[in-house]
Amino acid sequence: MNKLIFQIGILAFFISIVIFGVQQFSLFDTLARAFIVFITVVLFGILLVVFVTYIHEKNETTKQSESHNTAAHSVANNE
């Protein structure tokens, strides 16, 4: 997953180099802005993975607690 996020960041970096280069920015400004785009894309990718992982784990614990409660009710009803 980390490799995919990094590759998407590199893609955004090079696309932004082309976009900023066409707009006649100096070389330093082009590279600085492209690097900022790279960092932003990578950070958003990491935050997205963390958020999705958190939601997935939350759903798993909810399902486990529901199945545990259902099993406890079934045992209580049978006695």
PDB file of N, CA and C in Angstrom:
ATOM      1  N   MET A   1       0.830  -1.190   0.000  1.00  0.00           N
ATOM      2  CA  MET A   1       0.000   0.000   0.000  1.00  0.00           C
ATOM      3  C   MET A   1       0.875   1.255   0.000  1.00  0.00           C
ATOM      4  N   ASN A   2       1.962   1.221   0.786  1.00  0.00           N
ATOM      5  CA  ASN A   2       2.840   2.388   0.840  1.00  0.00           C
ATOM      6  C   ASN A   2       3.480   2.666  -0.511  1.00  0.00           C
ATOM      7  N   LYS A   3       3.813   1.592  -1.226  1.00  0.00           N
ATOM      8  CA  LYS A   3       4.427   1.755  -2.545  1.00  0.00           C
ATOM      9  C   LYS A   3       3.445   2.415  -3.512  1.00  0.00           C
ATOM     10  N   LEU A   4       2.195   2.037  -3.442  1.00  0.00           N
ATOM     11  CA  LEU A   4       1.169   2.625  -4.309  1.00  0.00           C
ATOM     12  C   LEU A   4       0.991   4.110  -4.005  1.00  0.00           C
ATOM     13  N   ILE A   5       0.943   4.467  -2.740  1.00  0.00           N
ATOM     14  CA  ILE A   5       0.795   5.874  -2.360  1.00  0.00           C
ATOM     15  C   ILE A   5       1.989   6.681  -2.860  1.00  0.00           C
ATOM     16  N   PHE A   6       3.186   6.131  -2.696  1.00  0.00           N
ATOM     17  CA  PHE A   6       4.391   6.814  -3.149  1.00  0.00           C
ATOM     18  C   PHE A   6       4.394   6.991  -4.667  1.00  0.00           C
ATOM     19  N   GLN A   7       3.964   5.966  -5.404  1.00  0.00           N
ATOM     20  CA  GLN A   7       3.935   6.060  -6.863  1.00  0.00           C
ATOM     21  C   GLN A   7       2.912   7.084  -7.340  1.00  0.00           C
ATOM     22  N   ILE A   8       1.770   7.171  -6.666  1.00  0.00           N
ATOM     23  CA  ILE A   8       0.783   8.195  -7.017  1.00  0.00           C
ATOM     24  C   ILE A   8       1.350   9.583  -6.732  1.00  0.00           C
ATOM     25  N   GLY A   9       2.096   9.725  -5.631  1.00  0.00           N
ATOM     26  CA  GLY A   9       2.738  10.995  -5.323  1.00  0.00           C
ATOM     27  C   GLY A   9       3.768  11.381  -6.370  1.00  0.00           C
ATOM     28  N   ILE A  10       4.557  10.411  -6.823  1.00  0.00           N
ATOM     29  CA  ILE A  10       5.554  10.673  -7.878  1.00  0.00           C
ATOM     30  C   ILE A  10       4.857  11.086  -9.174  1.00  0.00           C
ATOM     31  N   LEU A  11       3.759  10.418  -9.503  1.00  0.00           N
ATOM     32  CA  LEU A  11       2.993  10.778 -10.698  1.00  0.00           C
ATOM     33  C   LEU A  11       2.491  12.220 -10.599  1.00  0.00           C
ATOM     34  N   ALA A  12       1.943  12.579  -9.446  1.00  0.00           N
ATOM     35  CA  ALA A  12       1.461  13.949  -9.248  1.00  0.00           C
ATOM     36  C   ALA A  12       2.616  14.948  -9.340  1.00  0.00           C
ATOM     37  N   PHE A  13       3.793  14.561  -8.825  1.00  0.00           N
ATOM     38  CA  PHE A  13       4.973  15.417  -8.890  1.00  0.00           C
ATOM     39  C   PHE A  13       5.336  15.734 -10.336  1.00  0.00           C
ATOM     40  N   PHE A  14       5.416  14.711 -11.168  1.00  0.00           N
ATOM     41  CA  PHE A  14       5.832  14.938 -12.548  1.00  0.00           C
ATOM     42  C   PHE A  14       4.752  15.648 -13.370  1.00  0.00           C
ATOM     43  N   ILE A  15       3.507  15.344 -13.110  1.00  0.00           N
ATOM     44  CA  ILE A  15       2.434  16.064 -13.803  1.00  0.00           C
ATOM     45  C   ILE A  15       2.455  17.537 -13.414  1.00  0.00           C
ATOM     46  N   SER A  16       2.682  17.822 -12.132  1.00  0.00           N
ATOM     47  CA  SER A  16       2.727  19.225 -11.711  1.00  0.00           C
ATOM     48  C   SER A  16       3.966  19.932 -12.257  1.00  0.00           C
ATOM     49  N   ILE A  17       5.070  19.207 -12.451  1.00  0.00           N
ATOM     50  CA  ILE A  17       6.237  19.825 -13.092  1.00  0.00           C
ATOM     51  C   ILE A  17       5.872  20.286 -14.506  1.00  0.00           C
ATOM     52  N   VAL A  18       5.165  19.443 -15.234  1.00  0.00           N
ATOM     53  CA  VAL A  18       4.755  19.820 -16.592  1.00  0.00           C
ATOM     54  C   VAL A  18       3.813  21.021 -16.550  1.00  0.00           C
ATOM     55  N   ILE A  19       2.835  20.975 -15.658  1.00  0.00           N
ATOM     56  CA  ILE A  19       1.850  22.066 -15.587  1.00  0.00           C
ATOM     57  C   ILE A  19       2.516  23.385 -15.189  1.00  0.00           C
ATOM     58  N   PHE A  20       3.351  23.349 -14.149  1.00  0.00           N
ATOM     59  CA  PHE A  20       4.004  24.584 -13.714  1.00  0.00           C
ATOM     60  C   PHE A  20       5.082  25.029 -14.702  1.00  0.00           C
ATOM     61  N   GLY A  21       5.709  24.104 -15.398  1.00  0.00           N
ATOM     62  CA  GLY A  21       6.706  24.461 -16.403  1.00  0.00           C
ATOM     63  C   GLY A  21       6.101  25.181 -17.586  1.00  0.00           C
ATOM     64  N   VAL A  22       4.905  24.788 -17.978  1.00  0.00           N
ATOM     65  CA  VAL A  22       4.213  25.431 -19.095  1.00  0.00           C
ATOM     66  C   VAL A  22       3.800  26.858 -18.724  1.00  0.00           C
ATOM     67  N   GLN A  23       3.594  27.103 -17.438  1.00  0.00           N
ATOM     68  CA  GLN A  23       3.153  28.430 -16.989  1.00  0.00           C
ATOM     69  C   GLN A  23       4.308  29.411 -16.819  1.00  0.00           C
ATOM     70  N   GLN A  24       5.482  29.065 -17.293  1.00  0.00           N
ATOM     71  CA  GLN A  24       6.655  29.942 -17.308  1.00  0.00           C
ATOM     72  C   GLN A  24       7.158  30.338 -15.917  1.00  0.00           C
ATOM     73  N   PHE A  25       7.023  29.456 -14.934  1.00  0.00           N
ATOM     74  CA  PHE A  25       7.642  29.690 -13.630  1.00  0.00           C
ATOM     75  C   PHE A  25       9.134  29.403 -13.756  1.00  0.00           C
ATOM     76  N   SER A  26       9.918  29.965 -12.852  1.00  0.00           N
ATOM     77  CA  SER A  26      11.348  29.651 -12.843  1.00  0.00           C
ATOM     78  C   SER A  26      11.537  28.188 -12.438  1.00  0.00           C
ATOM     79  N   LEU A  27      12.727  27.672 -12.683  1.00  0.00           N
ATOM     80  CA  LEU A  27      12.995  26.265 -12.380  1.00  0.00           C
ATOM     81  C   LEU A  27      12.827  25.974 -10.891  1.00  0.00           C
ATOM     82  N   PHE A  28      13.338  26.866 -10.053  1.00  0.00           N
ATOM     83  CA  PHE A  28      13.212  26.671  -8.607  1.00  0.00           C
ATOM     84  C   PHE A  28      11.749  26.697  -8.171  1.00  0.00           C
ATOM     85  N   ASP A  29      10.966  27.652  -8.670  1.00  0.00           N
ATOM     86  CA  ASP A  29       9.542  27.726  -8.316  1.00  0.00           C
ATOM     87  C   ASP A  29       8.791  26.482  -8.788  1.00  0.00           C
ATOM     88  N   THR A  30       9.124  26.023  -9.982  1.00  0.00           N
ATOM     89  CA  THR A  30       8.470  24.822 -10.513  1.00  0.00           C
ATOM     90  C   THR A  30       8.756  23.610  -9.637  1.00  0.00           C
ATOM     91  N   LEU A  31      10.024  23.411  -9.282  1.00  0.00           N
ATOM     92  CA  LEU A  31      10.381  22.261  -8.449  1.00  0.00           C
ATOM     93  C   LEU A  31       9.807  22.385  -7.036  1.00  0.00           C
ATOM     94  N   ALA A  32       9.810  23.590  -6.481  1.00  0.00           N
ATOM     95  CA  ALA A  32       9.275  23.785  -5.129  1.00  0.00           C
ATOM     96  C   ALA A  32       7.773  23.504  -5.098  1.00  0.00           C
ATOM     97  N   ARG A  33       7.061  24.017  -6.075  1.00  0.00           N
ATOM     98  CA  ARG A  33       5.609  23.790  -6.116  1.00  0.00           C
ATOM     99  C   ARG A  33       5.288  22.323  -6.386  1.00  0.00           C
ATOM    100  N   ALA A  34       6.065  21.685  -7.248  1.00  0.00           N
ATOM    101  CA  ALA A  34       5.843  20.262  -7.533  1.00  0.00           C
ATOM    102  C   ALA A  34       6.125  19.421  -6.296  1.00  0.00           C
ATOM    103  N   PHE A  35       7.145  19.793  -5.524  1.00  0.00           N
ATOM    104  CA  PHE A  35       7.449  19.065  -4.296  1.00  0.00           C
ATOM    105  C   PHE A  35       6.314  19.235  -3.282  1.00  0.00           C
ATOM    106  N   ILE A  36       5.754  20.424  -3.193  1.00  0.00           N
ATOM    107  CA  ILE A  36       4.618  20.650  -2.295  1.00  0.00           C
ATOM    108  C   ILE A  36       3.432  19.794  -2.714  1.00  0.00           C
ATOM    109  N   VAL A  37       3.198  19.696  -4.011  1.00  0.00           N
ATOM    110  CA  VAL A  37       2.119  18.829  -4.513  1.00  0.00           C
ATOM    111  C   VAL A  37       2.404  17.379  -4.136  1.00  0.00           C
ATOM    112  N   PHE A  38       3.637  16.931  -4.301  1.00  0.00           N
ATOM    113  CA  PHE A  38       4.023  15.564  -3.952  1.00  0.00           C
ATOM    114  C   PHE A  38       3.752  15.282  -2.480  1.00  0.00           C
ATOM    115  N   ILE A  39       4.217  16.153  -1.599  1.00  0.00           N
ATOM    116  CA  ILE A  39       4.025  15.964  -0.157  1.00  0.00           C
ATOM    117  C   ILE A  39       2.537  15.940   0.181  1.00  0.00           C
ATOM    118  N   THR A  40       1.768  16.827  -0.423  1.00  0.00           N
ATOM    119  CA  THR A  40       0.325  16.893  -0.156  1.00  0.00           C
ATOM    120  C   THR A  40      -0.378  15.610  -0.580  1.00  0.00           C
ATOM    121  N   VAL A  41      -0.060  15.119  -1.760  1.00  0.00           N
ATOM    122  CA  VAL A  41      -0.702  13.895  -2.262  1.00  0.00           C
ATOM    123  C   VAL A  41      -0.344  12.703  -1.387  1.00  0.00           C
ATOM    124  N   VAL A  42       0.915  12.595  -0.997  1.00  0.00           N
ATOM    125  CA  VAL A  42       1.341  11.472  -0.159  1.00  0.00           C
ATOM    126  C   VAL A  42       0.676  11.549   1.215  1.00  0.00           C
ATOM    127  N   LEU A  43       0.616  12.728   1.810  1.00  0.00           N
ATOM    128  CA  LEU A  43      -0.019  12.861   3.126  1.00  0.00           C
ATOM    129  C   LEU A  43      -1.512  12.542   3.066  1.00  0.00           C
ATOM    130  N   PHE A  44      -2.197  13.016   2.026  1.00  0.00           N
ATOM    131  CA  PHE A  44      -3.613  12.690   1.890  1.00  0.00           C
ATOM    132  C   PHE A  44      -3.817  11.194   1.667  1.00  0.00           C
ATOM    133  N   GLY A  45      -2.924  10.563   0.932  1.00  0.00           N
ATOM    134  CA  GLY A  45      -3.004   9.115   0.733  1.00  0.00           C
ATOM    135  C   GLY A  45      -2.834   8.355   2.029  1.00  0.00           C
ATOM    136  N   ILE A  46      -1.870   8.776   2.839  1.00  0.00           N
ATOM    137  CA  ILE A  46      -1.652   8.124   4.133  1.00  0.00           C
ATOM    138  C   ILE A  46      -2.849   8.334   5.048  1.00  0.00           C
ATOM    139  N   LEU A  47      -3.374   9.558   5.076  1.00  0.00           N
ATOM    140  CA  LEU A  47      -4.555   9.828   5.908  1.00  0.00           C
ATOM    141  C   LEU A  47      -5.753   9.010   5.453  1.00  0.00           C
ATOM    142  N   LEU A  48      -5.906   8.836   4.154  1.00  0.00           N
ATOM    143  CA  LEU A  48      -7.009   8.031   3.627  1.00  0.00           C
ATOM    144  C   LEU A  48      -6.876   6.573   4.059  1.00  0.00           C
ATOM    145  N   VAL A  49      -5.675   6.024   3.985  1.00  0.00           N
ATOM    146  CA  VAL A  49      -5.452   4.637   4.394  1.00  0.00           C
ATOM    147  C   VAL A  49      -5.718   4.479   5.885  1.00  0.00           C
ATOM    148  N   VAL A  50      -5.253   5.417   6.700  1.00  0.00           N
ATOM    149  CA  VAL A  50      -5.481   5.351   8.146  1.00  0.00           C
ATOM    150  C   VAL A  50      -6.969   5.428   8.453  1.00  0.00           C
ATOM    151  N   PHE A  51      -7.690   6.317   7.779  1.00  0.00           N
ATOM    152  CA  PHE A  51      -9.126   6.468   8.008  1.00  0.00           C
ATOM    153  C   PHE A  51      -9.889   5.209   7.618  1.00  0.00           C
ATOM    154  N   VAL A  52      -9.571   4.654   6.463  1.00  0.00           N
ATOM    155  CA  VAL A  52     -10.269   3.447   6.008  1.00  0.00           C
ATOM    156  C   VAL A  52      -9.958   2.271   6.938  1.00  0.00           C
ATOM    157  N   THR A  53      -8.716   2.176   7.389  1.00  0.00           N
ATOM    158  CA  THR A  53      -8.344   1.108   8.322  1.00  0.00           C
ATOM    159  C   THR A  53      -9.100   1.257   9.641  1.00  0.00           C
ATOM    160  N   TYR A  54      -9.209   2.480  10.122  1.00  0.00           N
ATOM    161  CA  TYR A  54      -9.937   2.729  11.371  1.00  0.00           C
ATOM    162  C   TYR A  54     -11.409   2.347  11.228  1.00  0.00           C
ATOM    163  N   ILE A  55     -12.038   2.736  10.131  1.00  0.00           N
ATOM    164  CA  ILE A  55     -13.451   2.400   9.905  1.00  0.00           C
ATOM    165  C   ILE A  55     -13.617   0.885   9.795  1.00  0.00           C
ATOM    166  N   HIS A  56     -12.696   0.231   9.094  1.00  0.00           N
ATOM    167  CA  HIS A  56     -12.783  -1.226   8.935  1.00  0.00           C
ATOM    168  C   HIS A  56     -12.651  -1.933  10.283  1.00  0.00           C
ATOM    169  N   GLU A  57     -11.698  -1.505  11.106  1.00  0.00           N
ATOM    170  CA  GLU A  57     -11.519  -2.122  12.425  1.00  0.00           C
ATOM    171  C   GLU A  57     -12.716  -1.849  13.327  1.00  0.00           C
ATOM    172  N   LYS A  58     -13.281  -0.663  13.214  1.00  0.00           N
ATOM    173  CA  LYS A  58     -14.461  -0.324  14.018  1.00  0.00           C
ATOM    174  C   LYS A  58     -15.633  -1.225  13.634  1.00  0.00           C
ATOM    175  N   ASN A  59     -15.813  -1.465  12.343  1.00  0.00           N
ATOM    176  CA  ASN A  59     -16.893  -2.346  11.888  1.00  0.00           C
ATOM    177  C   ASN A  59     -16.651  -3.782  12.335  1.00  0.00           C
ATOM    178  N   GLU A  60     -15.416  -4.229  12.323  1.00  0.00           N
ATOM    179  CA  GLU A  60     -15.096  -5.584  12.760  1.00  0.00           C
ATOM    180  C   GLU A  60     -15.401  -5.771  14.242  1.00  0.00           C
ATOM    181  N   THR A  61     -15.044  -4.783  15.071  1.00  0.00           N
ATOM    182  CA  THR A  61     -15.311  -4.910  16.503  1.00  0.00           C
ATOM    183  C   THR A  61     -16.807  -4.841  16.774  1.00  0.00           C
ATOM    184  N   THR A  62     -17.532  -4.043  15.992  1.00  0.00           N
ATOM    185  CA  THR A  62     -18.985  -3.967  16.152  1.00  0.00           C
ATOM    186  C   THR A  62     -19.629  -5.303  15.793  1.00  0.00           C
ATOM    187  N   LYS A  63     -19.186  -5.916  14.715  1.00  0.00           N
ATOM    188  CA  LYS A  63     -19.732  -7.208  14.304  1.00  0.00           C
ATOM    189  C   LYS A  63     -19.412  -8.282  15.335  1.00  0.00           C
ATOM    190  N   GLN A  64     -18.211  -8.236  15.893  1.00  0.00           N
ATOM    191  CA  GLN A  64     -17.829  -9.225  16.900  1.00  0.00           C
ATOM    192  C   GLN A  64     -18.650  -9.056  18.160  1.00  0.00           C
ATOM    193  N   SER A  65     -18.885  -7.818  18.583  1.00  0.00           N
ATOM    194  CA  SER A  65     -19.662  -7.603  19.799  1.00  0.00           C
ATOM    195  C   SER A  65     -21.133  -7.980  19.571  1.00  0.00           C
ATOM    196  N   GLU A  66     -21.659  -7.726  18.361  1.00  0.00           N
ATOM    197  CA  GLU A  66     -23.038  -8.115  18.057  1.00  0.00           C
ATOM    198  C   GLU A  66     -23.185  -9.632  18.048  1.00  0.00           C
ATOM    199  N   SER A  67     -22.219 -10.338  17.467  1.00  0.00           N
ATOM    200  CA  SER A  67     -22.303 -11.798  17.433  1.00  0.00           C
ATOM    201  C   SER A  67     -22.125 -12.370  18.837  1.00  0.00           C
ATOM    202  N   HIS A  68     -21.306 -11.734  19.662  1.00  0.00           N
ATOM    203  CA  HIS A  68     -21.139 -12.167  21.041  1.00  0.00           C
ATOM    204  C   HIS A  68     -22.432 -11.946  21.828  1.00  0.00           C
ATOM    205  N   ASN A  69     -23.070 -10.795  21.621  1.00  0.00           N
ATOM    206  CA  ASN A  69     -24.335 -10.512  22.316  1.00  0.00           C
ATOM    207  C   ASN A  69     -25.437 -11.449  21.841  1.00  0.00           C
ATOM    208  N   THR A  70     -25.475 -11.752  20.560  1.00  0.00           N
ATOM    209  CA  THR A  70     -26.482 -12.663  20.028  1.00  0.00           C
ATOM    210  C   THR A  70     -26.284 -14.063  20.598  1.00  0.00           C
ATOM    211  N   ALA A  71     -25.046 -14.481  20.691  1.00  0.00           N
ATOM    212  CA  ALA A  71     -24.756 -15.799  21.260  1.00  0.00           C
ATOM    213  C   ALA A  71     -25.124 -15.836  22.737  1.00  0.00           C
ATOM    214  N   ALA A  72     -24.891 -14.756  23.457  1.00  0.00           N
ATOM    215  CA  ALA A  72     -25.234 -14.704  24.876  1.00  0.00           C
ATOM    216  C   ALA A  72     -26.751 -14.749  25.056  1.00  0.00           C
ATOM    217  N   HIS A  73     -27.491 -14.060  24.185  1.00  0.00           N
ATOM    218  CA  HIS A  73     -28.957 -14.096  24.271  1.00  0.00           C
ATOM    219  C   HIS A  73     -29.493 -15.479  23.935  1.00  0.00           C
ATOM    220  N   SER A  74     -28.872 -16.144  22.968  1.00  0.00           N
ATOM    221  CA  SER A  74     -29.317 -17.493  22.606  1.00  0.00           C
ATOM    222  C   SER A  74     -29.100 -18.464  23.754  1.00  0.00           C
ATOM    223  N   VAL A  75     -27.975 -18.357  24.418  1.00  0.00           N
ATOM    224  CA  VAL A  75     -27.699 -19.226  25.562  1.00  0.00           C
ATOM    225  C   VAL A  75     -28.669 -18.927  26.688  1.00  0.00           C
ATOM    226  N   ALA A  76     -28.963 -17.664  26.940  1.00  0.00           N
ATOM    227  CA  ALA A  76     -29.856 -17.280  28.005  1.00  0.00           C
ATOM    228  C   ALA A  76     -31.278 -17.734  27.709  1.00  0.00           C
ATOM    229  N   ASN A  77     -31.694 -17.672  26.440  1.00  0.00           N
ATOM    230  CA  ASN A  77     -33.038 -18.083  26.060  1.00  0.00           C
ATOM    231  C   ASN A  77     -33.200 -19.594  26.149  1.00  0.00           C
ATOM    232  N   ASN A  78     -32.155 -20.349  25.898  1.00  0.00           N
ATOM    233  CA  ASN A  78     -32.232 -21.799  25.930  1.00  0.00           C
ATOM    234  C   ASN A  78     -32.270 -22.352  27.360  1.00  0.00           C
ATOM    235  N   GLU A  79     -31.796 -21.601  28.308  1.00  0.00           N
ATOM    236  CA  GLU A  79     -31.763 -22.094  29.687  1.00  0.00           C
ATOM    237  C   GLU A  79     -33.056 -21.900  30.413  1.00  0.00           C
TER     238      GLU A  79
END
